[in-house]
N, C-alpha and C. Protein backbone atom coordinates (compact mmCIF):
# COMPACT_ATOMS: atom_id res chain seq x y z
N MET A 1 0.84 -1.18 0.00
CA MET A 1 0.00 0.00 0.00
C MET A 1 0.89 1.25 0.00
N ALA A 2 0.57 2.17 -0.88
CA ALA A 2 1.36 3.40 -1.01
C ALA A 2 1.08 4.32 0.17
N THR A 3 2.10 5.06 0.56
CA THR A 3 1.92 6.03 1.64
C THR A 3 1.59 7.39 1.05
N LYS A 4 0.94 8.21 1.84
CA LYS A 4 0.57 9.56 1.40
C LYS A 4 1.83 10.40 1.26
N PRO A 5 1.97 11.10 0.11
CA PRO A 5 3.14 11.97 -0.04
C PRO A 5 3.08 13.10 0.98
N SER A 6 4.25 13.63 1.35
CA SER A 6 4.28 14.71 2.34
C SER A 6 3.62 15.98 1.79
N THR A 7 3.69 16.18 0.50
CA THR A 7 3.02 17.30 -0.15
C THR A 7 2.11 16.75 -1.23
N VAL A 8 0.82 17.06 -1.13
CA VAL A 8 -0.12 16.56 -2.12
C VAL A 8 -0.31 17.63 -3.20
N ILE A 9 0.09 17.25 -4.42
CA ILE A 9 -0.02 18.15 -5.57
C ILE A 9 -1.12 17.61 -6.47
N ALA A 10 -2.02 18.51 -6.88
CA ALA A 10 -3.12 18.12 -7.77
C ALA A 10 -3.06 18.94 -9.04
N ILE A 11 -3.55 18.35 -10.11
CA ILE A 11 -3.67 19.02 -11.40
C ILE A 11 -5.16 19.20 -11.68
N TYR A 12 -5.55 20.41 -12.04
CA TYR A 12 -6.92 20.68 -12.51
C TYR A 12 -6.81 21.06 -13.98
N PRO A 13 -7.07 20.11 -14.89
CA PRO A 13 -6.89 20.36 -16.31
C PRO A 13 -8.16 20.90 -16.97
N GLY A 14 -7.98 21.60 -18.08
CA GLY A 14 -9.12 22.06 -18.86
C GLY A 14 -8.67 22.96 -19.99
N SER A 15 -9.63 23.40 -20.79
CA SER A 15 -9.30 24.33 -21.87
C SER A 15 -9.32 25.76 -21.36
N PHE A 16 -10.18 26.06 -20.39
CA PHE A 16 -10.28 27.39 -19.78
C PHE A 16 -10.37 28.47 -20.86
N ASP A 17 -11.28 28.26 -21.81
CA ASP A 17 -11.44 29.15 -22.95
C ASP A 17 -12.84 29.73 -23.01
N PRO A 18 -13.19 30.64 -22.11
CA PRO A 18 -12.40 31.24 -21.04
C PRO A 18 -12.68 30.56 -19.70
N ILE A 19 -11.94 30.99 -18.68
CA ILE A 19 -12.21 30.53 -17.32
C ILE A 19 -13.57 31.09 -16.89
N THR A 20 -14.36 30.27 -16.22
CA THR A 20 -15.69 30.68 -15.76
C THR A 20 -15.70 30.73 -14.23
N ASN A 21 -16.79 31.25 -13.69
CA ASN A 21 -16.94 31.25 -12.23
C ASN A 21 -17.13 29.83 -11.70
N GLY A 22 -17.60 28.92 -12.54
CA GLY A 22 -17.67 27.51 -12.15
C GLY A 22 -16.28 26.93 -11.96
N HIS A 23 -15.36 27.25 -12.90
CA HIS A 23 -13.96 26.83 -12.73
C HIS A 23 -13.39 27.43 -11.45
N LEU A 24 -13.64 28.71 -11.24
CA LEU A 24 -13.10 29.39 -10.06
C LEU A 24 -13.58 28.75 -8.77
N ASP A 25 -14.85 28.34 -8.74
CA ASP A 25 -15.40 27.68 -7.57
C ASP A 25 -14.61 26.39 -7.27
N LEU A 26 -14.37 25.60 -8.30
CA LEU A 26 -13.60 24.36 -8.11
C LEU A 26 -12.16 24.65 -7.70
N ILE A 27 -11.56 25.66 -8.28
CA ILE A 27 -10.18 26.02 -7.94
C ILE A 27 -10.09 26.48 -6.49
N GLU A 28 -11.03 27.30 -6.05
CA GLU A 28 -11.02 27.76 -4.66
C GLU A 28 -11.17 26.58 -3.71
N ARG A 29 -12.09 25.68 -4.00
CA ARG A 29 -12.29 24.51 -3.14
C ARG A 29 -11.08 23.59 -3.20
N GLY A 30 -10.51 23.40 -4.40
CA GLY A 30 -9.32 22.56 -4.56
C GLY A 30 -8.11 23.13 -3.84
N SER A 31 -8.00 24.46 -3.81
CA SER A 31 -6.86 25.09 -3.14
C SER A 31 -6.86 24.81 -1.64
N LYS A 32 -8.03 24.49 -1.09
CA LYS A 32 -8.14 24.17 0.34
C LYS A 32 -7.87 22.69 0.61
N LEU A 33 -7.98 21.86 -0.43
CA LEU A 33 -7.81 20.42 -0.26
C LEU A 33 -6.37 19.94 -0.47
N PHE A 34 -5.61 20.70 -1.27
CA PHE A 34 -4.27 20.25 -1.66
C PHE A 34 -3.22 21.26 -1.27
N ASP A 35 -1.99 20.75 -1.08
CA ASP A 35 -0.88 21.64 -0.77
C ASP A 35 -0.57 22.55 -1.96
N ARG A 36 -0.62 21.97 -3.16
CA ARG A 36 -0.43 22.74 -4.40
C ARG A 36 -1.46 22.29 -5.41
N LEU A 37 -2.01 23.25 -6.13
CA LEU A 37 -2.95 22.96 -7.20
C LEU A 37 -2.41 23.62 -8.46
N ILE A 38 -2.23 22.81 -9.50
CA ILE A 38 -1.73 23.33 -10.77
C ILE A 38 -2.90 23.32 -11.75
N VAL A 39 -3.35 24.52 -12.11
CA VAL A 39 -4.42 24.68 -13.09
C VAL A 39 -3.74 24.64 -14.45
N SER A 40 -4.03 23.61 -15.23
CA SER A 40 -3.27 23.34 -16.45
C SER A 40 -4.15 23.36 -17.69
N ILE A 41 -3.73 24.14 -18.65
CA ILE A 41 -4.45 24.28 -19.91
C ILE A 41 -4.01 23.17 -20.86
N LEU A 42 -4.98 22.43 -21.35
CA LEU A 42 -4.71 21.40 -22.36
C LEU A 42 -4.57 22.08 -23.70
N CYS A 43 -3.44 21.89 -24.35
CA CYS A 43 -3.22 22.42 -25.69
C CYS A 43 -3.77 21.40 -26.67
N ASN A 44 -4.94 21.67 -27.21
CA ASN A 44 -5.63 20.74 -28.10
C ASN A 44 -5.77 21.38 -29.47
N ASP A 45 -5.01 20.87 -30.43
CA ASP A 45 -5.02 21.43 -31.78
C ASP A 45 -6.34 21.19 -32.51
N GLU A 46 -7.13 20.21 -32.05
CA GLU A 46 -8.39 19.91 -32.72
C GLU A 46 -9.44 20.97 -32.44
N LYS A 47 -9.36 21.61 -31.29
CA LYS A 47 -10.30 22.67 -30.95
C LYS A 47 -9.74 24.00 -31.44
N GLU A 48 -10.62 24.87 -31.87
CA GLU A 48 -10.20 26.22 -32.24
C GLU A 48 -10.60 27.15 -31.12
N PRO A 49 -9.68 27.45 -30.22
CA PRO A 49 -10.05 28.28 -29.07
C PRO A 49 -10.31 29.74 -29.46
N LEU A 50 -11.15 30.39 -28.68
CA LEU A 50 -11.41 31.81 -28.86
C LEU A 50 -10.18 32.62 -28.46
N PHE A 51 -9.53 32.18 -27.37
CA PHE A 51 -8.34 32.86 -26.86
C PHE A 51 -7.11 31.98 -27.08
N SER A 52 -5.99 32.60 -27.39
CA SER A 52 -4.74 31.87 -27.58
C SER A 52 -4.28 31.30 -26.24
N LEU A 53 -3.35 30.38 -26.29
CA LEU A 53 -2.78 29.80 -25.08
C LEU A 53 -2.22 30.91 -24.19
N GLU A 54 -1.48 31.84 -24.77
CA GLU A 54 -0.88 32.93 -24.00
C GLU A 54 -1.96 33.77 -23.30
N GLU A 55 -3.06 34.05 -24.01
CA GLU A 55 -4.15 34.84 -23.42
C GLU A 55 -4.81 34.07 -22.27
N ARG A 56 -5.00 32.78 -22.45
CA ARG A 56 -5.62 31.98 -21.38
C ARG A 56 -4.71 31.90 -20.16
N VAL A 57 -3.41 31.76 -20.37
CA VAL A 57 -2.46 31.77 -19.25
C VAL A 57 -2.55 33.11 -18.52
N GLU A 58 -2.56 34.21 -19.26
CA GLU A 58 -2.68 35.55 -18.65
C GLU A 58 -3.95 35.68 -17.83
N MET A 59 -5.09 35.26 -18.42
CA MET A 59 -6.37 35.35 -17.71
C MET A 59 -6.34 34.54 -16.43
N LEU A 60 -5.83 33.31 -16.51
CA LEU A 60 -5.76 32.47 -15.32
C LEU A 60 -4.88 33.10 -14.25
N ARG A 61 -3.70 33.55 -14.63
CA ARG A 61 -2.80 34.16 -13.63
C ARG A 61 -3.44 35.38 -12.99
N GLU A 62 -4.15 36.15 -13.79
CA GLU A 62 -4.81 37.35 -13.31
C GLU A 62 -5.85 37.02 -12.24
N VAL A 63 -6.72 36.05 -12.51
CA VAL A 63 -7.81 35.76 -11.58
C VAL A 63 -7.41 34.81 -10.45
N LEU A 64 -6.28 34.12 -10.60
CA LEU A 64 -5.86 33.16 -9.56
C LEU A 64 -4.80 33.73 -8.63
N ARG A 65 -4.44 34.98 -8.82
CA ARG A 65 -3.39 35.62 -8.01
C ARG A 65 -3.67 35.52 -6.50
N ARG A 66 -4.93 35.50 -6.14
CA ARG A 66 -5.31 35.50 -4.71
C ARG A 66 -5.11 34.15 -4.03
N PHE A 67 -4.77 33.13 -4.78
CA PHE A 67 -4.56 31.79 -4.21
C PHE A 67 -3.06 31.48 -4.21
N PRO A 68 -2.40 31.60 -3.06
CA PRO A 68 -0.94 31.44 -3.02
C PRO A 68 -0.45 30.04 -3.40
N ASN A 69 -1.26 29.01 -3.23
CA ASN A 69 -0.81 27.65 -3.52
C ASN A 69 -1.31 27.14 -4.87
N VAL A 70 -1.78 28.06 -5.72
CA VAL A 70 -2.28 27.70 -7.04
C VAL A 70 -1.36 28.29 -8.09
N GLU A 71 -0.97 27.46 -9.06
CA GLU A 71 -0.14 27.94 -10.16
C GLU A 71 -0.78 27.54 -11.48
N VAL A 72 -0.30 28.15 -12.55
CA VAL A 72 -0.85 27.92 -13.88
C VAL A 72 0.19 27.18 -14.72
N GLY A 73 -0.26 26.19 -15.46
CA GLY A 73 0.61 25.46 -16.37
C GLY A 73 -0.13 25.13 -17.65
N HIS A 74 0.54 24.44 -18.55
CA HIS A 74 -0.11 23.96 -19.77
C HIS A 74 0.62 22.71 -20.24
N PHE A 75 -0.09 21.90 -21.02
CA PHE A 75 0.50 20.63 -21.44
C PHE A 75 -0.11 20.15 -22.74
N GLU A 76 0.61 19.26 -23.39
CA GLU A 76 0.15 18.52 -24.56
C GLU A 76 0.31 17.04 -24.23
N GLY A 77 -0.40 16.20 -24.93
CA GLY A 77 -0.22 14.77 -24.70
C GLY A 77 -1.08 14.26 -23.56
N LEU A 78 -0.62 13.17 -22.97
CA LEU A 78 -1.39 12.51 -21.91
C LEU A 78 -1.32 13.28 -20.60
N LEU A 79 -2.48 13.52 -20.02
CA LEU A 79 -2.57 14.23 -18.75
C LEU A 79 -1.78 13.52 -17.65
N VAL A 80 -1.87 12.18 -17.59
CA VAL A 80 -1.18 11.45 -16.51
C VAL A 80 0.34 11.57 -16.64
N ASP A 81 0.85 11.64 -17.86
CA ASP A 81 2.29 11.82 -18.05
C ASP A 81 2.71 13.20 -17.57
N TYR A 82 1.91 14.22 -17.91
CA TYR A 82 2.17 15.58 -17.45
C TYR A 82 2.12 15.63 -15.92
N ALA A 83 1.10 15.00 -15.34
CA ALA A 83 0.95 14.99 -13.88
C ALA A 83 2.18 14.37 -13.23
N ALA A 84 2.65 13.27 -13.78
CA ALA A 84 3.84 12.60 -13.22
C ALA A 84 5.06 13.51 -13.28
N THR A 85 5.23 14.25 -14.39
CA THR A 85 6.40 15.15 -14.49
C THR A 85 6.31 16.29 -13.49
N ARG A 86 5.10 16.66 -13.08
CA ARG A 86 4.91 17.74 -12.11
C ARG A 86 4.85 17.24 -10.67
N GLY A 87 4.96 15.93 -10.48
CA GLY A 87 4.92 15.36 -9.13
C GLY A 87 3.53 15.29 -8.55
N ALA A 88 2.51 15.38 -9.40
CA ALA A 88 1.12 15.35 -8.92
C ALA A 88 0.65 13.92 -8.72
N THR A 89 -0.14 13.73 -7.66
CA THR A 89 -0.70 12.41 -7.38
C THR A 89 -2.23 12.42 -7.49
N VAL A 90 -2.80 13.60 -7.79
CA VAL A 90 -4.25 13.73 -7.89
C VAL A 90 -4.61 14.54 -9.13
N LEU A 91 -5.66 14.08 -9.82
CA LEU A 91 -6.27 14.84 -10.90
C LEU A 91 -7.63 15.31 -10.40
N LEU A 92 -7.85 16.60 -10.41
CA LEU A 92 -9.11 17.17 -9.95
C LEU A 92 -10.02 17.41 -11.14
N ARG A 93 -11.23 16.89 -11.07
CA ARG A 93 -12.19 17.06 -12.15
C ARG A 93 -13.52 17.51 -11.58
N GLY A 94 -14.21 18.37 -12.31
CA GLY A 94 -15.51 18.86 -11.90
C GLY A 94 -16.62 18.11 -12.62
N ILE A 95 -17.70 17.89 -11.91
CA ILE A 95 -18.87 17.20 -12.47
C ILE A 95 -20.06 18.14 -12.33
N ARG A 96 -20.71 18.43 -13.47
CA ARG A 96 -21.90 19.29 -13.45
C ARG A 96 -23.17 18.47 -13.55
N ALA A 97 -23.12 17.38 -14.33
CA ALA A 97 -24.33 16.60 -14.61
C ALA A 97 -23.95 15.14 -14.85
N ILE A 98 -24.96 14.29 -14.95
CA ILE A 98 -24.75 12.87 -15.21
C ILE A 98 -23.93 12.69 -16.50
N SER A 99 -24.22 13.49 -17.50
CA SER A 99 -23.50 13.37 -18.78
C SER A 99 -22.01 13.62 -18.58
N ASP A 100 -21.62 14.54 -17.70
CA ASP A 100 -20.20 14.75 -17.37
C ASP A 100 -19.62 13.50 -16.73
N TYR A 101 -20.39 12.90 -15.82
CA TYR A 101 -19.89 11.76 -15.06
C TYR A 101 -19.50 10.60 -15.98
N GLU A 102 -20.35 10.31 -16.96
CA GLU A 102 -20.07 9.18 -17.85
C GLU A 102 -18.75 9.38 -18.59
N LYS A 103 -18.54 10.56 -19.13
CA LYS A 103 -17.31 10.85 -19.86
C LYS A 103 -16.11 10.87 -18.92
N GLU A 104 -16.27 11.51 -17.76
CA GLU A 104 -15.18 11.64 -16.79
C GLU A 104 -14.79 10.28 -16.22
N LEU A 105 -15.76 9.42 -15.96
CA LEU A 105 -15.48 8.09 -15.43
C LEU A 105 -14.63 7.30 -16.42
N GLN A 106 -14.97 7.37 -17.68
CA GLN A 106 -14.21 6.67 -18.71
C GLN A 106 -12.76 7.16 -18.73
N MET A 107 -12.58 8.48 -18.68
CA MET A 107 -11.21 9.03 -18.68
C MET A 107 -10.47 8.65 -17.40
N ALA A 108 -11.15 8.69 -16.26
CA ALA A 108 -10.51 8.36 -14.98
C ALA A 108 -10.04 6.90 -14.96
N LEU A 109 -10.86 6.02 -15.49
CA LEU A 109 -10.48 4.61 -15.52
C LEU A 109 -9.28 4.37 -16.44
N MET A 110 -9.25 5.05 -17.58
CA MET A 110 -8.11 4.92 -18.48
C MET A 110 -6.86 5.51 -17.82
N ASN A 111 -7.01 6.66 -17.18
CA ASN A 111 -5.86 7.27 -16.49
C ASN A 111 -5.33 6.36 -15.40
N ARG A 112 -6.22 5.69 -14.67
CA ARG A 112 -5.80 4.77 -13.62
C ARG A 112 -5.05 3.58 -14.22
N ARG A 113 -5.51 3.11 -15.37
CA ARG A 113 -4.83 2.00 -16.04
C ARG A 113 -3.43 2.41 -16.48
N LEU A 114 -3.30 3.64 -16.98
CA LEU A 114 -2.00 4.13 -17.44
C LEU A 114 -1.05 4.44 -16.29
N ARG A 115 -1.59 5.01 -15.22
CA ARG A 115 -0.77 5.41 -14.06
C ARG A 115 -1.57 5.14 -12.78
N PRO A 116 -1.47 3.92 -12.24
CA PRO A 116 -2.25 3.57 -11.05
C PRO A 116 -1.91 4.42 -9.82
N ASP A 117 -0.75 5.07 -9.81
CA ASP A 117 -0.34 5.88 -8.66
C ASP A 117 -0.97 7.27 -8.65
N ILE A 118 -1.73 7.62 -9.69
CA ILE A 118 -2.39 8.93 -9.76
C ILE A 118 -3.89 8.73 -9.63
N GLU A 119 -4.47 9.37 -8.63
CA GLU A 119 -5.91 9.25 -8.36
C GLU A 119 -6.67 10.39 -9.03
N THR A 120 -7.93 10.13 -9.40
CA THR A 120 -8.82 11.17 -9.90
C THR A 120 -9.84 11.47 -8.82
N LEU A 121 -10.00 12.74 -8.51
CA LEU A 121 -10.97 13.18 -7.52
C LEU A 121 -12.01 14.04 -8.21
N PHE A 122 -13.29 13.65 -8.06
CA PHE A 122 -14.38 14.41 -8.65
C PHE A 122 -14.99 15.32 -7.59
N LEU A 123 -15.19 16.57 -7.95
CA LEU A 123 -15.94 17.50 -7.11
C LEU A 123 -17.20 17.90 -7.85
N MET A 124 -18.30 17.89 -7.16
CA MET A 124 -19.55 18.33 -7.77
C MET A 124 -19.50 19.85 -7.92
N ALA A 125 -20.02 20.34 -9.03
CA ALA A 125 -20.11 21.78 -9.24
C ALA A 125 -21.05 22.36 -8.18
N GLY A 126 -20.74 23.56 -7.73
CA GLY A 126 -21.66 24.26 -6.83
C GLY A 126 -22.98 24.50 -7.55
N GLU A 127 -24.08 24.51 -6.80
CA GLU A 127 -25.40 24.67 -7.41
C GLU A 127 -25.47 25.90 -8.32
N ALA A 128 -24.88 26.98 -7.88
CA ALA A 128 -24.95 28.24 -8.63
C ALA A 128 -24.19 28.16 -9.95
N HIS A 129 -23.31 27.17 -10.08
CA HIS A 129 -22.45 27.09 -11.27
C HIS A 129 -22.68 25.82 -12.09
N SER A 130 -23.67 25.03 -11.74
CA SER A 130 -23.81 23.70 -12.35
C SER A 130 -24.18 23.74 -13.83
N PHE A 131 -24.63 24.87 -14.32
CA PHE A 131 -25.02 24.96 -15.74
C PHE A 131 -23.98 25.69 -16.59
N ILE A 132 -22.93 26.18 -15.98
CA ILE A 132 -21.95 27.01 -16.69
C ILE A 132 -20.87 26.15 -17.33
N SER A 133 -20.58 26.44 -18.59
CA SER A 133 -19.42 25.86 -19.27
C SER A 133 -18.82 26.96 -20.14
N SER A 134 -17.56 26.82 -20.46
CA SER A 134 -16.92 27.80 -21.35
C SER A 134 -17.65 27.86 -22.68
N ARG A 135 -18.06 26.71 -23.18
CA ARG A 135 -18.75 26.66 -24.47
C ARG A 135 -20.04 27.46 -24.44
N ILE A 136 -20.84 27.28 -23.39
CA ILE A 136 -22.12 27.99 -23.34
C ILE A 136 -21.92 29.48 -23.09
N VAL A 137 -20.90 29.83 -22.31
CA VAL A 137 -20.60 31.25 -22.09
C VAL A 137 -20.25 31.92 -23.42
N LYS A 138 -19.40 31.27 -24.22
CA LYS A 138 -19.02 31.84 -25.52
C LYS A 138 -20.23 31.97 -26.44
N GLU A 139 -21.09 30.94 -26.44
CA GLU A 139 -22.26 30.95 -27.31
C GLU A 139 -23.22 32.07 -26.92
N VAL A 140 -23.51 32.19 -25.62
CA VAL A 140 -24.41 33.25 -25.14
C VAL A 140 -23.82 34.62 -25.46
N PHE A 141 -22.52 34.77 -25.23
CA PHE A 141 -21.87 36.05 -25.48
C PHE A 141 -21.92 36.43 -26.96
N ARG A 142 -21.60 35.46 -27.83
CA ARG A 142 -21.63 35.72 -29.28
C ARG A 142 -23.01 36.14 -29.76
N LEU A 143 -24.05 35.64 -29.10
CA LEU A 143 -25.42 35.96 -29.49
C LEU A 143 -25.95 37.21 -28.77
N GLY A 144 -25.07 37.91 -28.07
CA GLY A 144 -25.45 39.18 -27.44
C GLY A 144 -26.02 39.06 -26.04
N GLY A 145 -25.93 37.88 -25.44
CA GLY A 145 -26.45 37.68 -24.09
C GLY A 145 -25.51 38.21 -23.02
N ASN A 146 -26.05 38.42 -21.85
CA ASN A 146 -25.30 38.95 -20.72
C ASN A 146 -24.60 37.81 -19.98
N VAL A 147 -23.28 37.87 -19.87
CA VAL A 147 -22.52 36.82 -19.17
C VAL A 147 -21.98 37.30 -17.83
N ALA A 148 -22.42 38.48 -17.38
CA ALA A 148 -22.00 38.99 -16.07
C ALA A 148 -22.40 37.97 -15.00
N GLY A 149 -21.48 37.69 -14.10
CA GLY A 149 -21.73 36.72 -13.04
C GLY A 149 -21.38 35.29 -13.43
N LEU A 150 -21.14 35.06 -14.73
CA LEU A 150 -20.75 33.72 -15.18
C LEU A 150 -19.24 33.60 -15.32
N VAL A 151 -18.58 34.72 -15.52
CA VAL A 151 -17.12 34.78 -15.65
C VAL A 151 -16.62 35.93 -14.79
N PRO A 152 -15.34 35.91 -14.39
CA PRO A 152 -14.80 37.04 -13.64
C PRO A 152 -14.89 38.32 -14.49
N PRO A 153 -15.03 39.49 -13.85
CA PRO A 153 -15.16 40.76 -14.58
C PRO A 153 -14.03 41.00 -15.59
N SER A 154 -12.80 40.65 -15.24
CA SER A 154 -11.68 40.87 -16.17
C SER A 154 -11.81 39.99 -17.41
N VAL A 155 -12.39 38.80 -17.26
CA VAL A 155 -12.61 37.91 -18.40
C VAL A 155 -13.75 38.45 -19.26
N GLU A 156 -14.79 38.97 -18.62
CA GLU A 156 -15.89 39.58 -19.38
C GLU A 156 -15.37 40.74 -20.23
N ALA A 157 -14.47 41.54 -19.65
CA ALA A 157 -13.87 42.65 -20.40
C ALA A 157 -13.09 42.14 -21.61
N ARG A 158 -12.36 41.04 -21.43
CA ARG A 158 -11.62 40.45 -22.56
C ARG A 158 -12.58 39.92 -23.63
N LEU A 159 -13.70 39.36 -23.21
CA LEU A 159 -14.69 38.88 -24.17
C LEU A 159 -15.23 40.05 -25.00
N HIS A 160 -15.54 41.17 -24.33
CA HIS A 160 -16.03 42.36 -25.04
C HIS A 160 -14.98 42.86 -26.02
N LYS A 161 -13.73 42.90 -25.59
CA LYS A 161 -12.64 43.35 -26.46
C LYS A 161 -12.49 42.41 -27.66
N ARG A 162 -12.56 41.10 -27.41
CA ARG A 162 -12.43 40.12 -28.49
C ARG A 162 -13.58 40.25 -29.47
N LEU A 163 -14.80 40.40 -28.97
CA LEU A 163 -15.95 40.54 -29.85
C LEU A 163 -15.80 41.81 -30.69
N HIS A 164 -15.34 42.87 -30.09
CA HIS A 164 -15.16 44.13 -30.81
C HIS A 164 -14.12 43.97 -31.93
N THR A 165 -13.01 43.30 -31.63
CA THR A 165 -11.97 43.13 -32.66
C THR A 165 -12.44 42.19 -33.76
N VAL A 166 -13.28 41.21 -33.42
CA VAL A 166 -13.80 40.29 -34.44
C VAL A 166 -14.78 41.03 -35.35
N THR A 167 -15.67 41.84 -34.76
CA THR A 167 -16.68 42.53 -35.57
C THR A 167 -16.09 43.67 -36.39
N THR A 168 -14.96 44.23 -35.96
CA THR A 168 -14.36 45.31 -36.74
C THR A 168 -13.28 44.80 -37.69
N GLY A 169 -13.02 43.50 -37.65
CA GLY A 169 -12.05 42.91 -38.57
C GLY A 169 -10.60 43.07 -38.13
N ASN A 170 -10.37 43.51 -36.91
CA ASN A 170 -9.00 43.69 -36.42
C ASN A 170 -8.52 42.50 -35.62
N HIS A 171 -9.21 41.41 -35.74
CA HIS A 171 -8.88 40.23 -34.93
C HIS A 171 -7.60 39.56 -35.46
N LYS A 172 -6.64 39.49 -34.60
CA LYS A 172 -5.40 38.77 -34.92
C LYS A 172 -5.31 37.62 -33.95
N HIS A 173 -5.61 36.45 -34.43
CA HIS A 173 -5.62 35.26 -33.57
C HIS A 173 -4.33 34.49 -33.76
N SER A 174 -3.57 34.37 -32.70
CA SER A 174 -2.31 33.61 -32.81
C SER A 174 -2.33 32.48 -31.82
N ASP A 175 -1.93 31.33 -32.27
CA ASP A 175 -1.83 30.17 -31.37
C ASP A 175 -0.41 29.74 -31.25
């Protein structure tokens, strides 16, 4: 039986395109559970993000500054390999609905098969945030809906700036 490491490091992976108040809720709760929490952006070439990797790192660092034991990272490839290189023994995942659970369970079981020494911990989304996803925030925003309270104010400002640059044709998207 493995012993508990003296410092428990967890990885909270995601696209964070953009970070939402639902993500922030999980990060705040995770920061209380672990000695270190690494919020890590998955670099996925198949998705076309609204914000570049650099912009997402900036946004995360900006809103996570208040958590001294939380840092920002990014990775490509297998999450469990990245976790092992960072010394993490826990993967933190959020669950909003049954549909999330089915997908997350499949990934957790595969991750356990690949690296049995890394555990996956599921946290239920807070009631106030259970319907929020980056995808729905972007969709509502693009259609002119109000996203105040769904994302941090600094992220909402970036969304407004991005929408303005897209509609005026000054959008320079770099990945």
